PDB file of N, CA and C in Angstrom:
ATOM      1  N   MET A   1      -0.873  -8.369 -31.008  1.00  0.00           N
ATOM      2  CA  MET A   1      -1.631  -8.889 -30.889  1.00  0.00           C
ATOM      3  C   MET A   1      -3.169  -7.837 -29.663  1.00  0.00           C
ATOM      4  N   GLN A   2      -4.393  -8.075 -30.048  1.00  0.00           N
ATOM      5  CA  GLN A   2      -5.428  -7.108 -29.742  1.00  0.00           C
ATOM      6  C   GLN A   2      -6.849  -8.178 -29.432  1.00  0.00           C
ATOM      7  N   ARG A   3      -7.641  -7.155 -28.487  1.00  0.00           N
ATOM      8  CA  ARG A   3      -8.843  -7.521 -28.471  1.00  0.00           C
ATOM      9  C   ARG A   3      -9.762  -7.286 -29.346  1.00  0.00           C
ATOM     10  N   TYR A   4     -10.995  -8.665 -29.877  1.00  0.00           N
ATOM     11  CA  TYR A   4     -11.620  -8.538 -30.831  1.00  0.00           C
ATOM     12  C   TYR A   4     -12.972  -8.948 -29.687  1.00  0.00           C
ATOM     13  N   PHE A   5     -14.146  -8.237 -30.418  1.00  0.00           N
ATOM     14  CA  PHE A   5     -15.469  -9.074 -30.107  1.00  0.00           C
ATOM     15  C   PHE A   5     -16.708  -9.386 -30.506  1.00  0.00           C
ATOM     16  N   PHE A   6     -17.102 -10.106 -30.826  1.00  0.00           N
ATOM     17  CA  PHE A   6     -18.108 -10.956 -31.746  1.00  0.00           C
ATOM     18  C   PHE A   6     -19.769 -10.598 -31.257  1.00  0.00           C
ATOM     19  N   ASP A   7     -20.065  -9.437 -31.768  1.00  0.00           N
ATOM     20  CA  ASP A   7     -21.382  -9.360 -31.773  1.00  0.00           C
ATOM     21  C   ASP A   7     -22.368 -10.008 -32.713  1.00  0.00           C
ATOM     22  N   LEU A   8     -23.694 -10.470 -32.177  1.00  0.00           N
ATOM     23  CA  LEU A   8     -24.429 -11.825 -32.267  1.00  0.00           C
ATOM     24  C   LEU A   8     -25.841 -11.015 -32.670  1.00  0.00           C
ATOM     25  N   SER A   9     -26.181 -11.257 -34.377  1.00  0.00           N
ATOM     26  CA  SER A   9     -27.070 -10.700 -34.252  1.00  0.00           C
ATOM     27  C   SER A   9     -28.311 -11.431 -34.877  1.00  0.00           C
ATOM     28  N   ALA A  10     -29.666 -11.918 -34.638  1.00  0.00           N
ATOM     29  CA  ALA A  10     -30.470 -13.025 -35.762  1.00  0.00           C
ATOM     30  C   ALA A  10     -31.619 -11.990 -35.595  1.00  0.00           C
ATOM     31  N   GLY A  11     -32.317 -11.420 -36.779  1.00  0.00           N
ATOM     32  CA  GLY A  11     -33.489 -10.622 -36.717  1.00  0.00           C
ATOM     33  C   GLY A  11     -33.112  -9.330 -36.130  1.00  0.00           C
ATOM     34  N   ALA A  12     -34.368  -9.430 -35.180  1.00  0.00           N
ATOM     35  CA  ALA A  12     -34.394  -7.752 -34.036  1.00  0.00           C
ATOM     36  C   ALA A  12     -33.524  -9.006 -32.906  1.00  0.00           C
ATOM     37  N   TRP A  13     -33.170 -10.159 -32.889  1.00  0.00           N
ATOM     38  CA  TRP A  13     -32.445 -10.593 -32.155  1.00  0.00           C
ATOM     39  C   TRP A  13     -30.516 -10.033 -31.414  1.00  0.00           C
ATOM     40  N   GLN A  14     -30.389  -9.656 -30.703  1.00  0.00           N
ATOM     41  CA  GLN A  14     -29.421  -9.117 -30.563  1.00  0.00           C
ATOM     42  C   GLN A  14     -28.227  -9.284 -29.123  1.00  0.00           C
ATOM     43  N   CYS A  15     -27.064  -9.245 -29.175  1.00  0.00           N
ATOM     44  CA  CYS A  15     -26.498  -9.975 -28.613  1.00  0.00           C
ATOM     45  C   CYS A  15     -24.575  -9.137 -28.592  1.00  0.00           C
ATOM     46  N   ARG A  16     -24.541  -8.616 -27.658  1.00  0.00           N
ATOM     47  CA  ARG A  16     -23.075  -7.431 -27.526  1.00  0.00           C
ATOM     48  C   ARG A  16     -22.106  -8.423 -27.125  1.00  0.00           C
ATOM     49  N   ASP A  17     -21.479  -8.543 -27.797  1.00  0.00           N
ATOM     50  CA  ASP A  17     -19.927  -9.326 -27.009  1.00  0.00           C
ATOM     51  C   ASP A  17     -19.663  -8.206 -26.047  1.00  0.00           C
ATOM     52  N   ASP A  18     -19.517  -7.919 -24.766  1.00  0.00           N
ATOM     53  CA  ASP A  18     -18.573  -6.801 -23.845  1.00  0.00           C
ATOM     54  C   ASP A  18     -17.136  -7.921 -23.207  1.00  0.00           C
ATOM     55  N   ILE A  19     -16.594  -9.114 -23.378  1.00  0.00           N
ATOM     56  CA  ILE A  19     -15.429  -9.620 -23.284  1.00  0.00           C
ATOM     57  C   ILE A  19     -14.793 -10.135 -23.627  1.00  0.00           C
ATOM     58  N   GLY A  20     -14.998 -10.110 -25.438  1.00  0.00           N
ATOM     59  CA  GLY A  20     -13.912 -10.286 -26.652  1.00  0.00           C
ATOM     60  C   GLY A  20     -13.099 -11.650 -26.385  1.00  0.00           C
ATOM     61  N   LEU A  21     -12.343 -11.880 -27.270  1.00  0.00           N
ATOM     62  CA  LEU A  21     -11.033 -12.336 -27.309  1.00  0.00           C
ATOM     63  C   LEU A  21      -9.547 -11.761 -27.905  1.00  0.00           C
ATOM     64  N   ILE A  22      -8.823 -12.668 -27.048  1.00  0.00           N
ATOM     65  CA  ILE A  22      -7.112 -11.440 -27.807  1.00  0.00           C
ATOM     66  C   ILE A  22      -6.783 -13.042 -28.635  1.00  0.00           C
ATOM     67  N   LEU A  23      -7.139 -11.763 -30.329  1.00  0.00           N
ATOM     68  CA  LEU A  23      -6.230 -12.515 -31.038  1.00  0.00           C
ATOM     69  C   LEU A  23      -5.113 -12.220 -32.471  1.00  0.00           C
ATOM     70  N   CYS A  24      -4.293 -13.080 -33.148  1.00  0.00           N
ATOM     71  CA  CYS A  24      -2.980 -12.629 -33.253  1.00  0.00           C
ATOM     72  C   CYS A  24      -3.272 -11.807 -34.772  1.00  0.00           C
ATOM     73  N   SER A  25      -4.069 -12.433 -36.241  1.00  0.00           N
ATOM     74  CA  SER A  25      -4.124 -12.068 -36.598  1.00  0.00           C
ATOM     75  C   SER A  25      -5.683 -12.036 -37.884  1.00  0.00           C
ATOM     76  N   GLN A  26      -6.258 -11.831 -39.201  1.00  0.00           N
ATOM     77  CA  GLN A  26      -7.208 -11.455 -39.529  1.00  0.00           C
ATOM     78  C   GLN A  26      -7.758 -13.115 -39.932  1.00  0.00           C
ATOM     79  N   ASP A  27      -6.298 -14.113 -40.230  1.00  0.00           N
ATOM     80  CA  ASP A  27      -7.053 -15.592 -40.238  1.00  0.00           C
ATOM     81  C   ASP A  27      -8.361 -16.140 -38.869  1.00  0.00           C
ATOM     82  N   GLU A  28      -7.228 -15.592 -37.822  1.00  0.00           N
ATOM     83  CA  GLU A  28      -7.799 -16.238 -36.783  1.00  0.00           C
ATOM     84  C   GLU A  28      -8.730 -15.449 -36.308  1.00  0.00           C
ATOM     85  N   ILE A  29      -9.392 -14.207 -36.627  1.00  0.00           N
ATOM     86  CA  ILE A  29     -10.490 -13.767 -36.513  1.00  0.00           C
ATOM     87  C   ILE A  29     -11.815 -13.888 -37.334  1.00  0.00           C
ATOM     88  N   ARG A  30     -11.419 -14.168 -38.341  1.00  0.00           N
ATOM     89  CA  ARG A  30     -11.936 -14.792 -39.682  1.00  0.00           C
ATOM     90  C   ARG A  30     -12.452 -16.509 -39.116  1.00  0.00           C
ATOM     91  N   SER A  31     -11.981 -17.324 -38.474  1.00  0.00           N
ATOM     92  CA  SER A  31     -12.039 -18.552 -38.372  1.00  0.00           C
ATOM     93  C   SER A  31     -12.922 -18.301 -36.727  1.00  0.00           C
ATOM     94  N   GLU A  32     -12.691 -17.978 -35.545  1.00  0.00           N
ATOM     95  CA  GLU A  32     -13.284 -17.354 -34.645  1.00  0.00           C
ATOM     96  C   GLU A  32     -14.929 -17.096 -35.033  1.00  0.00           C
ATOM     97  N   ALA A  33     -15.379 -15.875 -35.637  1.00  0.00           N
ATOM     98  CA  ALA A  33     -16.300 -15.392 -36.333  1.00  0.00           C
ATOM     99  C   ALA A  33     -16.937 -16.221 -36.962  1.00  0.00           C
ATOM    100  N   THR A  34     -16.232 -17.125 -38.135  1.00  0.00           N
ATOM    101  CA  THR A  34     -16.882 -18.023 -38.382  1.00  0.00           C
ATOM    102  C   THR A  34     -17.693 -19.277 -37.697  1.00  0.00           C
ATOM    103  N   ARG A  35     -16.992 -19.886 -36.939  1.00  0.00           N
ATOM    104  CA  ARG A  35     -17.255 -21.106 -36.090  1.00  0.00           C
ATOM    105  C   ARG A  35     -18.318 -20.672 -34.389  1.00  0.00           C
ATOM    106  N   THR A  36     -18.113 -19.008 -34.335  1.00  0.00           N
ATOM    107  CA  THR A  36     -18.907 -18.374 -33.391  1.00  0.00           C
ATOM    108  C   THR A  36     -20.711 -18.453 -34.273  1.00  0.00           C
ATOM    109  N   ALA A  37     -20.648 -18.012 -35.692  1.00  0.00           N
ATOM    110  CA  ALA A  37     -21.567 -18.106 -36.400  1.00  0.00           C
ATOM    111  C   ALA A  37     -22.596 -19.331 -36.246  1.00  0.00           C
ATOM    112  N   ILE A  38     -21.797 -20.751 -36.764  1.00  0.00           N
ATOM    113  CA  ILE A  38     -22.100 -21.714 -36.722  1.00  0.00           C
ATOM    114  C   ILE A  38     -22.458 -22.581 -35.204  1.00  0.00           C
ATOM    115  N   GLU A  39     -21.810 -22.332 -34.465  1.00  0.00           N
ATOM    116  CA  GLU A  39     -22.027 -22.855 -33.355  1.00  0.00           C
ATOM    117  C   GLU A  39     -23.590 -22.080 -32.306  1.00  0.00           C
ATOM    118  N   PHE A  40     -23.883 -20.977 -33.323  1.00  0.00           N
ATOM    119  CA  PHE A  40     -24.933 -19.578 -32.375  1.00  0.00           C
ATOM    120  C   PHE A  40     -26.148 -20.883 -33.326  1.00  0.00           C
ATOM    121  N   ALA A  41     -26.250 -20.912 -35.304  1.00  0.00           N
ATOM    122  CA  ALA A  41     -27.151 -21.451 -35.502  1.00  0.00           C
ATOM    123  C   ALA A  41     -27.285 -23.085 -34.918  1.00  0.00           C
ATOM    124  N   GLY A  42     -26.259 -23.506 -34.549  1.00  0.00           N
ATOM    125  CA  GLY A  42     -26.674 -24.841 -34.198  1.00  0.00           C
ATOM    126  C   GLY A  42     -27.814 -24.556 -32.701  1.00  0.00           C
ATOM    127  N   ALA A  43     -27.034 -24.092 -31.991  1.00  0.00           N
ATOM    128  CA  ALA A  43     -27.844 -23.145 -30.158  1.00  0.00           C
ATOM    129  C   ALA A  43     -29.416 -23.294 -31.124  1.00  0.00           C
ATOM    130  N   GLY A  44     -29.944 -22.760 -31.965  1.00  0.00           N
ATOM    131  CA  GLY A  44     -31.360 -22.122 -32.370  1.00  0.00           C
ATOM    132  C   GLY A  44     -31.559 -21.555 -30.529  1.00  0.00           C
ATOM    133  N   LEU A  45     -31.792 -20.746 -30.378  1.00  0.00           N
ATOM    134  CA  LEU A  45     -31.962 -20.021 -29.811  1.00  0.00           C
ATOM    135  C   LEU A  45     -33.452 -19.566 -30.202  1.00  0.00           C
ATOM    136  N   ALA A  46     -34.428 -19.184 -28.893  1.00  0.00           N
ATOM    137  CA  ALA A  46     -36.215 -18.786 -29.408  1.00  0.00           C
ATOM    138  C   ALA A  46     -36.271 -17.401 -28.712  1.00  0.00           C
ATOM    139  N   GLY A  47     -36.508 -16.905 -30.195  1.00  0.00           N
ATOM    140  CA  GLY A  47     -36.589 -16.006 -30.512  1.00  0.00           C
ATOM    141  C   GLY A  47     -35.556 -15.596 -31.574  1.00  0.00           C
ATOM    142  N   ALA A  48     -34.775 -16.029 -31.588  1.00  0.00           N
ATOM    143  CA  ALA A  48     -34.049 -15.630 -32.780  1.00  0.00           C
ATOM    144  C   ALA A  48     -33.920 -16.033 -34.579  1.00  0.00           C
ATOM    145  N   ASP A  49     -34.218 -15.544 -35.370  1.00  0.00           N
ATOM    146  CA  ASP A  49     -34.113 -15.156 -36.601  1.00  0.00           C
ATOM    147  C   ASP A  49     -33.023 -15.886 -37.315  1.00  0.00           C
ATOM    148  N   LEU A  50     -33.481 -16.900 -37.434  1.00  0.00           N
ATOM    149  CA  LEU A  50     -31.744 -17.834 -37.834  1.00  0.00           C
ATOM    150  C   LEU A  50     -31.779 -17.462 -39.574  1.00  0.00           C
ATOM    151  N   SER A  51     -32.557 -16.987 -40.139  1.00  0.00           N
ATOM    152  CA  SER A  51     -32.260 -16.622 -41.090  1.00  0.00           C
ATOM    153  C   SER A  51     -31.556 -15.921 -42.011  1.00  0.00           C
ATOM    154  N   ASP A  52     -31.458 -14.748 -41.339  1.00  0.00           N
ATOM    155  CA  ASP A  52     -30.263 -13.655 -41.599  1.00  0.00           C
ATOM    156  C   ASP A  52     -30.026 -13.819 -40.286  1.00  0.00           C
ATOM    157  N   LEU A  53     -28.523 -14.698 -39.534  1.00  0.00           N
ATOM    158  CA  LEU A  53     -28.014 -14.174 -38.602  1.00  0.00           C
ATOM    159  C   LEU A  53     -25.854 -13.743 -39.129  1.00  0.00           C
ATOM    160  N   LYS A  54     -26.239 -12.717 -38.211  1.00  0.00           N
ATOM    161  CA  LYS A  54     -24.741 -11.775 -38.543  1.00  0.00           C
ATOM    162  C   LYS A  54     -23.564 -12.259 -36.840  1.00  0.00           C
ATOM    163  N   VAL A  55     -22.604 -11.888 -37.119  1.00  0.00           N
ATOM    164  CA  VAL A  55     -21.445 -11.995 -36.104  1.00  0.00           C
ATOM    165  C   VAL A  55     -20.465 -11.173 -36.579  1.00  0.00           C
ATOM    166  N   ARG A  56     -20.329 -10.087 -35.833  1.00  0.00           N
ATOM    167  CA  ARG A  56     -19.767  -8.485 -36.475  1.00  0.00           C
ATOM    168  C   ARG A  56     -19.167  -8.617 -35.239  1.00  0.00           C
ATOM    169  N   VAL A  57     -17.855  -8.083 -36.040  1.00  0.00           N
ATOM    170  CA  VAL A  57     -16.407  -8.618 -35.337  1.00  0.00           C
ATOM    171  C   VAL A  57     -16.462  -6.633 -34.707  1.00  0.00           C
ATOM    172  N   ARG A  58     -15.808  -6.490 -33.823  1.00  0.00           N
ATOM    173  CA  ARG A  58     -15.352  -4.657 -33.547  1.00  0.00           C
ATOM    174  C   ARG A  58     -13.889  -5.532 -33.062  1.00  0.00           C
ATOM    175  N   ASP A  59     -13.549  -3.870 -32.708  1.00  0.00           N
ATOM    176  CA  ASP A  59     -11.745  -4.145 -32.126  1.00  0.00           C
ATOM    177  C   ASP A  59     -12.368  -3.308 -31.064  1.00  0.00           C
ATOM    178  N   ARG A  60     -11.184  -2.438 -29.796  1.00  0.00           N
ATOM    179  CA  ARG A  60     -11.367  -2.390 -28.951  1.00  0.00           C
ATOM    180  C   ARG A  60     -11.816  -0.610 -28.836  1.00  0.00           C
ATOM    181  N   ALA A  61     -11.714  -0.616 -29.863  1.00  0.00           N
ATOM    182  CA  ALA A  61     -11.983   1.093 -30.550  1.00  0.00           C
ATOM    183  C   ALA A  61     -13.348   0.990 -30.543  1.00  0.00           C
ATOM    184  N   GLY A  62     -14.089  -0.059 -30.913  1.00  0.00           N
ATOM    185  CA  GLY A  62     -15.308   0.030 -31.062  1.00  0.00           C
ATOM    186  C   GLY A  62     -15.092  -0.072 -32.934  1.00  0.00           C
ATOM    187  N   ASP A  63     -14.601   0.287 -33.524  1.00  0.00           N
ATOM    188  CA  ASP A  63     -14.275   0.155 -35.114  1.00  0.00           C
ATOM    189  C   ASP A  63     -14.595  -1.552 -35.941  1.00  0.00           C
ATOM    190  N   ALA A  64     -15.796  -1.474 -36.806  1.00  0.00           N
ATOM    191  CA  ALA A  64     -15.149  -2.794 -37.123  1.00  0.00           C
ATOM    192  C   ALA A  64     -14.543  -2.992 -38.204  1.00  0.00           C
ATOM    193  N   VAL A  65     -14.640  -4.557 -38.136  1.00  0.00           N
ATOM    194  CA  VAL A  65     -12.884  -5.354 -38.194  1.00  0.00           C
ATOM    195  C   VAL A  65     -13.507  -6.240 -39.808  1.00  0.00           C
ATOM    196  N   MET A  66     -14.795  -6.656 -39.148  1.00  0.00           N
ATOM    197  CA  MET A  66     -15.738  -7.798 -40.380  1.00  0.00           C
ATOM    198  C   MET A  66     -17.122  -8.178 -39.877  1.00  0.00           C
ATOM    199  N   THR A  67     -17.561  -9.121 -40.907  1.00  0.00           N
ATOM    200  CA  THR A  67     -19.026  -8.911 -40.483  1.00  0.00           C
ATOM    201  C   THR A  67     -18.962 -11.004 -40.872  1.00  0.00           C
ATOM    202  N   VAL A  68     -19.367 -11.775 -40.485  1.00  0.00           N
ATOM    203  CA  VAL A  68     -19.606 -12.808 -41.118  1.00  0.00           C
ATOM    204  C   VAL A  68     -21.105 -13.197 -40.710  1.00  0.00           C
ATOM    205  N   SER A  69     -22.125 -14.000 -42.439  1.00  0.00           N
ATOM    206  CA  SER A  69     -22.932 -13.846 -42.223  1.00  0.00           C
ATOM    207  C   SER A  69     -23.622 -15.087 -42.541  1.00  0.00           C
ATOM    208  N   LEU A  70     -24.431 -15.423 -41.978  1.00  0.00           N
ATOM    209  CA  LEU A  70     -25.271 -16.934 -41.905  1.00  0.00           C
ATOM    210  C   LEU A  70     -26.245 -16.815 -42.722  1.00  0.00           C
ATOM    211  N   ALA A  71     -26.485 -16.979 -43.595  1.00  0.00           N
ATOM    212  CA  ALA A  71     -28.556 -17.961 -43.813  1.00  0.00           C
ATOM    213  C   ALA A  71     -28.941 -19.107 -43.417  1.00  0.00           C
ATOM    214  N   LEU A  72     -29.853 -19.268 -42.520  1.00  0.00           N
ATOM    215  CA  LEU A  72     -30.262 -20.427 -42.277  1.00  0.00           C
ATOM    216  C   LEU A  72     -31.794 -20.687 -43.104  1.00  0.00           C
ATOM    217  N   THR A  73     -32.359 -21.656 -43.796  1.00  0.00           N
ATOM    218  CA  THR A  73     -33.468 -22.062 -44.124  1.00  0.00           C
ATOM    219  C   THR A  73     -34.144 -23.587 -43.798  1.00  0.00           C
ATOM    220  N   VAL A  74     -34.955 -23.640 -42.781  1.00  0.00           N
ATOM    221  CA  VAL A  74     -35.749 -24.577 -42.471  1.00  0.00           C
ATOM    222  C   VAL A  74     -36.381 -24.767 -43.294  1.00  0.00           C
ATOM    223  N   ARG A  75     -36.860 -25.553 -44.464  1.00  0.00           N
ATOM    224  CA  ARG A  75     -38.245 -26.223 -45.066  1.00  0.00           C
ATOM    225  C   ARG A  75     -39.067 -27.921 -44.555  1.00  0.00           C
ATOM    226  N   GLY A  76     -40.045 -28.062 -44.712  1.00  0.00           N
ATOM    227  CA  GLY A  76     -40.541 -28.560 -44.425  1.00  0.00           C
ATOM    228  C   GLY A  76     -41.300 -29.070 -43.306  1.00  0.00           C
ATOM    229  N   PRO A  77     -41.919 -29.814 -42.462  1.00  0.00           N
ATOM    230  CA  PRO A  77     -41.820 -31.791 -43.184  1.00  0.00           C
ATOM    231  C   PRO A  77     -42.638 -31.952 -44.350  1.00  0.00           C
ATOM    232  N   GLU A  78     -42.382 -31.485 -45.738  1.00  0.00           N
ATOM    233  CA  GLU A  78     -43.573 -31.183 -46.211  1.00  0.00           C
ATOM    234  C   GLU A  78     -43.849 -33.262 -46.712  1.00  0.00           C
ATOM    235  N   GLU A  79     -42.940 -34.008 -46.681  1.00  0.00           N
ATOM    236  CA  GLU A  79     -42.691 -35.592 -47.269  1.00  0.00           C
ATOM    237  C   GLU A  79     -41.293 -36.434 -45.887  1.00  0.00           C
ATOM    238  N   PRO A  80     -41.552 -36.787 -44.748  1.00  0.00           N
ATOM    239  CA  PRO A  80     -40.299 -37.384 -44.375  1.00  0.00           C
ATOM    240  C   PRO A  80     -39.285 -38.288 -44.674  1.00  0.00           C
ATOM    241  N   VAL A  81     -38.378 -38.192 -45.004  1.00  0.00           N
ATOM    242  CA  VAL A  81     -37.015 -38.414 -45.600  1.00  0.00           C
ATOM    243  C   VAL A  81     -37.295 -39.569 -44.944  1.00  0.00           C
ATOM    244  N   ARG A  82     -37.026 -40.614 -46.306  1.00  0.00           N
ATOM    245  CA  ARG A  82     -37.116 -42.440 -45.754  1.00  0.00           C
ATOM    246  C   ARG A  82     -35.251 -42.998 -46.436  1.00  0.00           C
ATOM    247  N   LEU A  83     -34.856 -43.069 -44.919  1.00  0.00           N
ATOM    248  CA  LEU A  83     -33.480 -43.801 -45.732  1.00  0.00           C
ATOM    249  C   LEU A  83     -33.455 -44.832 -45.865  1.00  0.00           C
ATOM    250  N   THR A  84     -33.029 -45.554 -47.407  1.00  0.00           N
ATOM    251  CA  THR A  84     -33.180 -46.974 -47.465  1.00  0.00           C
ATOM    252  C   THR A  84     -31.636 -47.504 -47.864  1.00  0.00           C
ATOM    253  N   SER A  85     -31.322 -48.722 -47.663  1.00  0.00           N
ATOM    254  CA  SER A  85     -30.123 -49.367 -47.316  1.00  0.00           C
ATOM    255  C   SER A  85     -29.964 -49.661 -49.288  1.00  0.00           C
ATOM    256  N   ARG A  86     -28.973 -49.280 -49.088  1.00  0.00           N
ATOM    257  CA  ARG A  86     -28.540 -49.725 -49.911  1.00  0.00           C
ATOM    258  C   ARG A  86     -27.797 -51.125 -50.511  1.00  0.00           C
ATOM    259  N   PRO A  87     -27.181 -51.836 -51.518  1.00  0.00           N
ATOM    260  CA  PRO A  87     -27.494 -53.191 -51.307  1.00  0.00           C
ATOM    261  C   PRO A  87     -25.541 -53.730 -50.821  1.00  0.00           C
ATOM    262  N   ALA A  88     -24.983 -53.910 -50.481  1.00  0.00           N
ATOM    263  CA  ALA A  88     -23.955 -54.177 -50.600  1.00  0.00           C
ATOM    264  C   ALA A  88     -22.803 -54.132 -51.872  1.00  0.00           C
ATOM    265  N   ARG A  89     -22.254 -53.476 -51.590  1.00  0.00           N
ATOM    266  CA  ARG A  89     -20.984 -53.739 -53.015  1.00  0.00           C
ATOM    267  C   ARG A  89     -19.899 -54.915 -53.115  1.00  0.00           C
ATOM    268  N   PRO A  90     -19.696 -55.263 -54.224  1.00  0.00           N
ATOM    269  CA  PRO A  90     -19.121 -56.436 -54.535  1.00  0.00           C
ATOM    270  C   PRO A  90     -17.863 -56.098 -53.918  1.00  0.00           C
ATOM    271  N   ARG A  91     -16.932 -57.123 -53.150  1.00  0.00           N
ATOM    272  CA  ARG A  91     -15.819 -56.613 -53.212  1.00  0.00           C
ATOM    273  C   ARG A  91     -14.682 -56.718 -54.014  1.00  0.00           C
ATOM    274  N   MET A  92     -13.567 -55.989 -54.406  1.00  0.00           N
ATOM    275  CA  MET A  92     -12.637 -56.521 -55.158  1.00  0.00           C
ATOM    276  C   MET A  92     -11.543 -57.378 -54.788  1.00  0.00           C
ATOM    277  N   VAL A  93     -11.588 -58.684 -55.302  1.00  0.00           N
ATOM    278  CA  VAL A  93     -10.356 -59.787 -54.410  1.00  0.00           C
ATOM    279  C   VAL A  93      -9.119 -59.402 -55.875  1.00  0.00           C
ATOM    280  N   ARG A  94      -8.090 -59.707 -55.339  1.00  0.00           N
ATOM    281  CA  ARG A  94      -6.749 -59.713 -56.328  1.00  0.00           C
ATOM    282  C   ARG A  94      -6.741 -61.229 -56.349  1.00  0.00           C
ATOM    283  N   ALA A  95      -6.456 -61.426 -57.259  1.00  0.00           N
ATOM    284  CA  ALA A  95      -5.747 -62.907 -57.844  1.00  0.00           C
ATOM    285  C   ALA A  95      -4.490 -63.315 -57.544  1.00  0.00           C
ATOM    286  N   ALA A  96      -4.495 -63.649 -56.790  1.00  0.00           N
ATOM    287  CA  ALA A  96      -2.475 -64.124 -56.243  1.00  0.00           C
ATOM    288  C   ALA A  96      -1.676 -64.628 -57.576  1.00  0.00           C
TER     289      ALA A  96
END
C-alpha cells in the first residue's frame, strides 16, 4: 500500500493535494481519479475552466502515476428543451 496524491487543474486554476490517499492497486487509483474528476466537474468552481479538467496522480516521491482528463462543454441555451409526455404504452396481458 502506498500514498497517492490527486492534484486538480482546470485551465489556469490549480489545486495541489497535500493529504493524499492510501491505495492498493492501479484499479483503485484509476477509480479514485475518475470519481474526483466527475465530482470536481459537478462542483462548478468559479474561475475554473472545466473545458480542460485534469486530475494528475503522483506518488510520495512526486513521480507521475497517471492523469485523468475530462472535457466538459456546455452550450446554449439557444432553445429551451421541452419535455413532452409520451402516450402510455399498452400493457401486454397474457390470456389464460
